């Protein structure tokens, strides 16, 4: 999957298939969950994405509010996931702030799938989002790129900082070890200034390597987050 491409044809192709119909029970809705779709979900769950249990199945949910400059990325991400999207749960809102800035928010939920249950169980074993132990198997270059676009910021020292505040220190340490072993990326963990909250940092020295890994999957509006573009 390339997040630079228009995925609207996918919606036309799949919109009438049974797995995408609202009356199909979650136990029978399996969906086209190939490795690329799973990578997008995994990357989002490390960032702003969440999952909800609903009856016999689980669904993916996403809410984000940012400045207008990133609108196109949000639209592309929605298009990539249209094959599993419940359009009744998609909302988009534009607001003009007092300082004149335009802000937008978008929120959506997928259909409920029994085939999503294993992801929910890995990320929410006790109804709190955690870093699953299987993350090393699913943190593909695409998943890493989605995580960066969702939840990473370019640091003033030209490194990259992930907002891992919701994870425990052990979980952040595990993420760091996966990045080091899987992609040979140097990492460090910093306190955020809030008790028991930690940020994962990739220094400038590893940014060229990181860029080679994820650039094919980064939308042009998000390239500013990388040093070597």
C-alpha atoms as a PDB file:
ATOM      1  CA  UNK A   1       0.000   0.000   0.000  1.00  0.00           C
ATOM      2  CA  UNK A   2       1.208   3.477  -0.843  1.00  0.00           C
ATOM      3  CA  UNK A   3      -0.505   6.224   1.129  1.00  0.00           C
ATOM      4  CA  UNK A   4       0.254   8.645  -1.695  1.00  0.00           C
ATOM      5  CA  UNK A   5      -2.207   6.928  -4.026  1.00  0.00           C
ATOM      6  CA  UNK A   6      -5.926   7.509  -4.473  1.00  0.00           C
ATOM      7  CA  UNK A   7      -7.657   4.445  -3.052  1.00  0.00           C
ATOM      8  CA  UNK A   8     -11.203   5.441  -4.083  1.00  0.00           C
ATOM      9  CA  UNK A   9     -11.414   2.564  -6.586  1.00  0.00           C
ATOM     10  CA  UNK A  10     -11.103   0.150  -3.679  1.00  0.00           C
ATOM     11  CA  UNK A  11     -14.313   1.496  -2.209  1.00  0.00           C
ATOM     12  CA  UNK A  12     -16.182   1.057  -5.492  1.00  0.00           C
ATOM     13  CA  UNK A  13     -14.844  -2.478  -5.826  1.00  0.00           C
ATOM     14  CA  UNK A  14     -15.667  -3.650  -2.305  1.00  0.00           C
ATOM     15  CA  UNK A  15     -18.681  -1.537  -1.293  1.00  0.00           C
ATOM     16  CA  UNK A  16     -21.268  -4.155  -2.309  1.00  0.00           C
ATOM     17  CA  UNK A  17     -19.546  -7.219  -0.851  1.00  0.00           C
ATOM     18  CA  UNK A  18     -21.232  -9.014   2.092  1.00  0.00           C
ATOM     19  CA  UNK A  19     -18.497  -8.259   4.650  1.00  0.00           C
ATOM     20  CA  UNK A  20     -19.181  -4.536   4.213  1.00  0.00           C
ATOM     21  CA  UNK A  21     -22.976  -4.682   4.611  1.00  0.00           C
ATOM     22  CA  UNK A  22     -24.501  -3.405   7.867  1.00  0.00           C
ATOM     23  CA  UNK A  23     -26.825  -6.414   8.378  1.00  0.00           C
ATOM     24  CA  UNK A  24     -24.031  -8.997   8.375  1.00  0.00           C
ATOM     25  CA  UNK A  25     -23.428 -10.320  11.958  1.00  0.00           C
ATOM     26  CA  UNK A  26     -19.929  -9.736  13.329  1.00  0.00           C
ATOM     27  CA  UNK A  27     -19.407 -13.495  13.670  1.00  0.00           C
ATOM     28  CA  UNK A  28     -19.781 -13.840   9.895  1.00  0.00           C
ATOM     29  CA  UNK A  29     -17.973 -10.643   8.916  1.00  0.00           C
ATOM     30  CA  UNK A  30     -14.354 -11.557   8.270  1.00  0.00           C
ATOM     31  CA  UNK A  31     -13.294  -8.822   5.898  1.00  0.00           C
ATOM     32  CA  UNK A  32     -10.318  -8.291   3.585  1.00  0.00           C
ATOM     33  CA  UNK A  33      -7.789  -7.979   6.389  1.00  0.00           C
ATOM     34  CA  UNK A  34      -4.527  -8.554   4.561  1.00  0.00           C
ATOM     35  CA  UNK A  35      -1.144  -7.767   6.088  1.00  0.00           C
ATOM     36  CA  UNK A  36      -1.199  -4.191   4.782  1.00  0.00           C
ATOM     37  CA  UNK A  37      -4.545  -3.391   6.393  1.00  0.00           C
ATOM     38  CA  UNK A  38      -3.329  -5.009   9.628  1.00  0.00           C
ATOM     39  CA  UNK A  39      -0.158  -2.875   9.436  1.00  0.00           C
ATOM     40  CA  UNK A  40      -2.240   0.296   9.165  1.00  0.00           C
ATOM     41  CA  UNK A  41      -4.326  -0.731  12.170  1.00  0.00           C
ATOM     42  CA  UNK A  42      -1.267  -1.683  14.237  1.00  0.00           C
ATOM     43  CA  UNK A  43       0.498   1.600  13.446  1.00  0.00           C
ATOM     44  CA  UNK A  44      -2.620   3.570  14.331  1.00  0.00           C
ATOM     45  CA  UNK A  45      -3.113   1.697  17.595  1.00  0.00           C
ATOM     46  CA  UNK A  46       0.401   2.617  18.676  1.00  0.00           C
ATOM     47  CA  UNK A  47      -0.698   6.200  18.093  1.00  0.00           C
ATOM     48  CA  UNK A  48      -4.145   7.777  18.268  1.00  0.00           C
ATOM     49  CA  UNK A  49      -6.215   4.789  17.176  1.00  0.00           C
ATOM     50  CA  UNK A  50      -8.286   2.682  19.535  1.00  0.00           C
ATOM     51  CA  UNK A  51     -10.388  -0.477  19.506  1.00  0.00           C
ATOM     52  CA  UNK A  52     -13.780  -1.166  21.024  1.00  0.00           C
ATOM     53  CA  UNK A  53     -15.402  -4.480  21.905  1.00  0.00           C
ATOM     54  CA  UNK A  54     -18.976  -4.751  20.701  1.00  0.00           C
ATOM     55  CA  UNK A  55     -20.880  -7.988  21.212  1.00  0.00           C
ATOM     56  CA  UNK A  56     -19.077 -10.866  19.518  1.00  0.00           C
ATOM     57  CA  UNK A  57     -16.714  -8.650  17.567  1.00  0.00           C
ATOM     58  CA  UNK A  58     -14.385  -5.671  17.777  1.00  0.00           C
ATOM     59  CA  UNK A  59     -14.085  -2.454  15.805  1.00  0.00           C
ATOM     60  CA  UNK A  60     -11.386   0.092  15.164  1.00  0.00           C
ATOM     61  CA  UNK A  61     -12.000   3.759  16.019  1.00  0.00           C
ATOM     62  CA  UNK A  62     -10.056   6.887  15.234  1.00  0.00           C
ATOM     63  CA  UNK A  63     -10.406  10.524  16.248  1.00  0.00           C
ATOM     64  CA  UNK A  64      -7.993  13.300  15.494  1.00  0.00           C
ATOM     65  CA  UNK A  65      -8.051  17.075  15.603  1.00  0.00           C
ATOM     66  CA  UNK A  66      -5.300  19.024  13.867  1.00  0.00           C
ATOM     67  CA  UNK A  67      -4.609  22.103  11.804  1.00  0.00           C
ATOM     68  CA  UNK A  68      -5.942  22.325   8.270  1.00  0.00           C
ATOM     69  CA  UNK A  69      -2.514  21.560   6.751  1.00  0.00           C
ATOM     70  CA  UNK A  70      -2.879  17.863   7.508  1.00  0.00           C
ATOM     71  CA  UNK A  71      -6.387  17.417   6.134  1.00  0.00           C
ATOM     72  CA  UNK A  72      -5.297  15.528   3.039  1.00  0.00           C
ATOM     73  CA  UNK A  73      -3.467  12.897   5.037  1.00  0.00           C
ATOM     74  CA  UNK A  74      -6.617  12.277   7.043  1.00  0.00           C
ATOM     75  CA  UNK A  75      -8.637  11.807   3.872  1.00  0.00           C
ATOM     76  CA  UNK A  76      -6.081   9.404   2.395  1.00  0.00           C
ATOM     77  CA  UNK A  77      -6.064   7.357   5.568  1.00  0.00           C
ATOM     78  CA  UNK A  78      -9.837   7.097   5.455  1.00  0.00           C
ATOM     79  CA  UNK A  79      -9.734   6.002   1.831  1.00  0.00           C
ATOM     80  CA  UNK A  80      -7.202   3.275   2.580  1.00  0.00           C
ATOM     81  CA  UNK A  81      -9.525   1.903   5.251  1.00  0.00           C
ATOM     82  CA  UNK A  82     -12.767   2.297   3.292  1.00  0.00           C
ATOM     83  CA  UNK A  83     -12.947  -1.439   2.694  1.00  0.00           C
ATOM     84  CA  UNK A  84     -13.738  -1.856   6.389  1.00  0.00           C
ATOM     85  CA  UNK A  85     -15.397   1.472   7.137  1.00  0.00           C
ATOM     86  CA  UNK A  86     -18.918   1.867   8.464  1.00  0.00           C
ATOM     87  CA  UNK A  87     -19.893   5.143   6.819  1.00  0.00           C
ATOM     88  CA  UNK A  88     -22.618   5.774   9.380  1.00  0.00           C
ATOM     89  CA  UNK A  89     -19.853   6.378  11.905  1.00  0.00           C
ATOM     90  CA  UNK A  90     -17.795   8.847   9.879  1.00  0.00           C
ATOM     91  CA  UNK A  91     -17.874  12.522  10.812  1.00  0.00           C
ATOM     92  CA  UNK A  92     -15.809  15.477   9.699  1.00  0.00           C
ATOM     93  CA  UNK A  93     -15.847  18.954  11.183  1.00  0.00           C
ATOM     94  CA  UNK A  94     -14.163  22.269  10.382  1.00  0.00           C
ATOM     95  CA  UNK A  95     -13.887  25.084  12.905  1.00  0.00           C
ATOM     96  CA  UNK A  96     -12.430  28.573  12.757  1.00  0.00           C
ATOM     97  CA  UNK A  97     -10.665  29.636  15.941  1.00  0.00           C
ATOM     98  CA  UNK A  98     -10.550  33.144  17.374  1.00  0.00           C
ATOM     99  CA  UNK A  99      -7.018  33.665  16.052  1.00  0.00           C
ATOM    100  CA  UNK A 100      -8.231  32.888  12.535  1.00  0.00           C
ATOM    101  CA  UNK A 101      -6.686  29.433  12.303  1.00  0.00           C
ATOM    102  CA  UNK A 102      -8.726  26.673  10.701  1.00  0.00           C
ATOM    103  CA  UNK A 103      -8.872  23.442  12.633  1.00  0.00           C
ATOM    104  CA  UNK A 104     -10.539  20.221  11.653  1.00  0.00           C
ATOM    105  CA  UNK A 105     -11.443  16.969  13.290  1.00  0.00           C
ATOM    106  CA  UNK A 106     -12.398  13.630  11.858  1.00  0.00           C
ATOM    107  CA  UNK A 107     -13.822  10.641  13.635  1.00  0.00           C
ATOM    108  CA  UNK A 108     -14.745   7.202  12.369  1.00  0.00           C
ATOM    109  CA  UNK A 109     -15.362   3.633  13.395  1.00  0.00           C
ATOM    110  CA  UNK A 110     -15.135   0.508  11.286  1.00  0.00           C
ATOM    111  CA  UNK A 111     -17.732  -2.209  11.134  1.00  0.00           C
ATOM    112  CA  UNK A 112     -17.531  -4.767  13.928  1.00  0.00           C
ATOM    113  CA  UNK A 113     -15.557  -7.861  12.925  1.00  0.00           C
ATOM    114  CA  UNK A 114     -14.995 -11.102  14.792  1.00  0.00           C
ATOM    115  CA  UNK A 115     -11.704 -11.260  12.883  1.00  0.00           C
ATOM    116  CA  UNK A 116     -10.602  -8.099  14.736  1.00  0.00           C
ATOM    117  CA  UNK A 117     -10.954  -9.798  18.134  1.00  0.00           C
ATOM    118  CA  UNK A 118      -7.369 -11.037  18.278  1.00  0.00           C
ATOM    119  CA  UNK A 119      -6.077  -7.483  17.771  1.00  0.00           C
ATOM    120  CA  UNK A 120      -8.347  -6.155  20.515  1.00  0.00           C
ATOM    121  CA  UNK A 121      -7.270  -8.917  22.891  1.00  0.00           C
ATOM    122  CA  UNK A 122      -3.594  -8.195  22.243  1.00  0.00           C
ATOM    123  CA  UNK A 123      -3.891  -4.427  22.748  1.00  0.00           C
ATOM    124  CA  UNK A 124      -6.557  -4.411  25.487  1.00  0.00           C
ATOM    125  CA  UNK A 125      -6.000  -7.484  27.714  1.00  0.00           C
ATOM    126  CA  UNK A 126      -7.437  -5.629  30.731  1.00  0.00           C
ATOM    127  CA  UNK A 127      -9.435  -2.951  28.878  1.00  0.00           C
ATOM    128  CA  UNK A 128      -6.400  -0.637  28.916  1.00  0.00           C
ATOM    129  CA  UNK A 129      -4.326  -0.127  25.797  1.00  0.00           C
ATOM    130  CA  UNK A 130      -0.903  -1.756  26.089  1.00  0.00           C
ATOM    131  CA  UNK A 131       1.998  -2.559  23.792  1.00  0.00           C
ATOM    132  CA  UNK A 132       1.404  -6.217  22.849  1.00  0.00           C
ATOM    133  CA  UNK A 133       4.270  -8.695  22.973  1.00  0.00           C
ATOM    134  CA  UNK A 134       3.631  -9.591  19.332  1.00  0.00           C
ATOM    135  CA  UNK A 135       4.418  -6.063  18.158  1.00  0.00           C
ATOM    136  CA  UNK A 136       7.784  -7.198  16.810  1.00  0.00           C
ATOM    137  CA  UNK A 137       5.963  -9.379  14.260  1.00  0.00           C
ATOM    138  CA  UNK A 138       3.632  -6.644  13.038  1.00  0.00           C
ATOM    139  CA  UNK A 139       5.683  -3.442  13.212  1.00  0.00           C
ATOM    140  CA  UNK A 140       6.278  -3.453   9.454  1.00  0.00           C
ATOM    141  CA  UNK A 141       7.710  -0.427   7.595  1.00  0.00           C
ATOM    142  CA  UNK A 142       4.120   0.549   6.740  1.00  0.00           C
ATOM    143  CA  UNK A 143       2.994   0.228  10.369  1.00  0.00           C
ATOM    144  CA  UNK A 144       5.997   2.272  11.485  1.00  0.00           C
ATOM    145  CA  UNK A 145       5.181   4.947   8.888  1.00  0.00           C
ATOM    146  CA  UNK A 146       1.554   5.161  10.040  1.00  0.00           C
ATOM    147  CA  UNK A 147       2.710   5.427  13.663  1.00  0.00           C
ATOM    148  CA  UNK A 148       5.028   8.290  12.701  1.00  0.00           C
ATOM    149  CA  UNK A 149       2.318  10.131  10.764  1.00  0.00           C
ATOM    150  CA  UNK A 150      -0.158   9.656  13.610  1.00  0.00           C
ATOM    151  CA  UNK A 151       1.839  10.358  16.682  1.00  0.00           C
ATOM    152  CA  UNK A 152       5.447  11.482  16.158  1.00  0.00           C
ATOM    153  CA  UNK A 153       6.892  14.987  16.122  1.00  0.00           C
ATOM    154  CA  UNK A 154      10.170  16.320  14.791  1.00  0.00           C
ATOM    155  CA  UNK A 155      12.286  17.374  17.768  1.00  0.00           C
ATOM    156  CA  UNK A 156      14.240  20.628  17.863  1.00  0.00           C
ATOM    157  CA  UNK A 157      17.442  18.539  17.791  1.00  0.00           C
ATOM    158  CA  UNK A 158      16.241  17.053  14.462  1.00  0.00           C
ATOM    159  CA  UNK A 159      15.400  13.719  15.994  1.00  0.00           C
ATOM    160  CA  UNK A 160      11.928  12.201  16.199  1.00  0.00           C
ATOM    161  CA  UNK A 161       9.846  11.884  19.341  1.00  0.00           C
ATOM    162  CA  UNK A 162       6.935   9.467  19.700  1.00  0.00           C
ATOM    163  CA  UNK A 163       4.150  10.426  22.096  1.00  0.00           C
ATOM    164  CA  UNK A 164       4.128   7.189  24.081  1.00  0.00           C
ATOM    165  CA  UNK A 165       2.744   8.820  27.236  1.00  0.00           C
ATOM    166  CA  UNK A 166      -0.104   6.314  27.588  1.00  0.00           C
ATOM    167  CA  UNK A 167       2.252   3.337  27.825  1.00  0.00           C
ATOM    168  CA  UNK A 168       4.212   2.154  30.868  1.00  0.00           C
ATOM    169  CA  UNK A 169       7.980   2.466  31.097  1.00  0.00           C
ATOM    170  CA  UNK A 170       8.401  -1.275  30.441  1.00  0.00           C
ATOM    171  CA  UNK A 171       6.198  -1.020  27.352  1.00  0.00           C
ATOM    172  CA  UNK A 172       8.162   1.937  25.997  1.00  0.00           C
ATOM    173  CA  UNK A 173      11.392   0.047  26.678  1.00  0.00           C
ATOM    174  CA  UNK A 174      10.013  -2.901  24.717  1.00  0.00           C
ATOM    175  CA  UNK A 175       9.111  -0.642  21.771  1.00  0.00           C
ATOM    176  CA  UNK A 176      12.640   0.753  21.863  1.00  0.00           C
ATOM    177  CA  UNK A 177      14.138  -2.745  21.804  1.00  0.00           C
ATOM    178  CA  UNK A 178      11.961  -3.721  18.815  1.00  0.00           C
ATOM    179  CA  UNK A 179      13.074  -0.654  16.848  1.00  0.00           C
ATOM    180  CA  UNK A 180      16.709  -1.375  17.687  1.00  0.00           C
ATOM    181  CA  UNK A 181      16.620  -5.104  16.856  1.00  0.00           C
ATOM    182  CA  UNK A 182      14.278  -4.978  13.864  1.00  0.00           C
ATOM    183  CA  UNK A 183      15.520  -1.802  12.164  1.00  0.00           C
ATOM    184  CA  UNK A 184      18.901  -1.019  13.809  1.00  0.00           C
ATOM    185  CA  UNK A 185      17.587   2.338  15.028  1.00  0.00           C
ATOM    186  CA  UNK A 186      19.171   4.041  18.014  1.00  0.00           C
ATOM    187  CA  UNK A 187      16.614   5.110  20.604  1.00  0.00           C
ATOM    188  CA  UNK A 188      16.388   6.765  23.986  1.00  0.00           C
ATOM    189  CA  UNK A 189      13.596   7.208  26.510  1.00  0.00           C
ATOM    190  CA  UNK A 190      12.873  10.571  28.096  1.00  0.00           C
ATOM    191  CA  UNK A 191      10.616  11.604  30.961  1.00  0.00           C
ATOM    192  CA  UNK A 192       7.849  13.922  29.779  1.00  0.00           C
ATOM    193  CA  UNK A 193       7.638  15.952  32.962  1.00  0.00           C
ATOM    194  CA  UNK A 194       4.458  14.173  34.030  1.00  0.00           C
ATOM    195  CA  UNK A 195       4.736  11.378  36.586  1.00  0.00           C
ATOM    196  CA  UNK A 196       4.981   7.914  34.982  1.00  0.00           C
ATOM    197  CA  UNK A 197       4.847   9.221  31.429  1.00  0.00           C
ATOM    198  CA  UNK A 198       7.677   8.610  28.957  1.00  0.00           C
ATOM    199  CA  UNK A 199       8.504   9.598  25.407  1.00  0.00           C
ATOM    200  CA  UNK A 200      10.405   7.437  22.921  1.00  0.00           C
ATOM    201  CA  UNK A 201      13.050   9.327  20.973  1.00  0.00           C
ATOM    202  CA  UNK A 202      14.989   8.502  17.787  1.00  0.00           C
ATOM    203  CA  UNK A 203      18.112  10.714  17.562  1.00  0.00           C
ATOM    204  CA  UNK A 204      19.328  12.619  14.526  1.00  0.00           C
ATOM    205  CA  UNK A 205      22.017   9.975  13.947  1.00  0.00           C
ATOM    206  CA  UNK A 206      19.335   7.395  13.046  1.00  0.00           C
ATOM    207  CA  UNK A 207      17.059   9.638  10.991  1.00  0.00           C
ATOM    208  CA  UNK A 208      18.679   8.831   7.634  1.00  0.00           C
ATOM    209  CA  UNK A 209      18.179   5.111   8.268  1.00  0.00           C
ATOM    210  CA  UNK A 210      14.606   5.680   9.455  1.00  0.00           C
ATOM    211  CA  UNK A 211      13.834   7.729   6.350  1.00  0.00           C
ATOM    212  CA  UNK A 212      14.976   4.918   4.042  1.00  0.00           C
ATOM    213  CA  UNK A 213      12.680   2.507   5.869  1.00  0.00           C
ATOM    214  CA  UNK A 214       9.466   4.520   5.949  1.00  0.00           C
ATOM    215  CA  UNK A 215       9.643   7.148   3.191  1.00  0.00           C
ATOM    216  CA  UNK A 216       7.856   4.987   0.553  1.00  0.00           C
ATOM    217  CA  UNK A 217       4.815   4.926   2.860  1.00  0.00           C
ATOM    218  CA  UNK A 218       4.859   8.540   4.080  1.00  0.00           C
ATOM    219  CA  UNK A 219       2.357  10.959   2.598  1.00  0.00           C
ATOM    220  CA  UNK A 220       4.012  14.129   1.167  1.00  0.00           C
ATOM    221  CA  UNK A 221       2.251  16.335   3.736  1.00  0.00           C
ATOM    222  CA  UNK A 222       4.028  14.374   6.481  1.00  0.00           C
ATOM    223  CA  UNK A 223       7.563  14.382   5.087  1.00  0.00           C
ATOM    224  CA  UNK A 224       8.433  17.335   7.312  1.00  0.00           C
ATOM    225  CA  UNK A 225       8.664  14.831  10.168  1.00  0.00           C
ATOM    226  CA  UNK A 226      11.727  13.242   8.584  1.00  0.00           C
ATOM    227  CA  UNK A 227      15.211  14.710   8.471  1.00  0.00           C
ATOM    228  CA  UNK A 228      16.533  13.171   5.233  1.00  0.00           C
ATOM    229  CA  UNK A 229      13.899  13.697   2.535  1.00  0.00           C
END
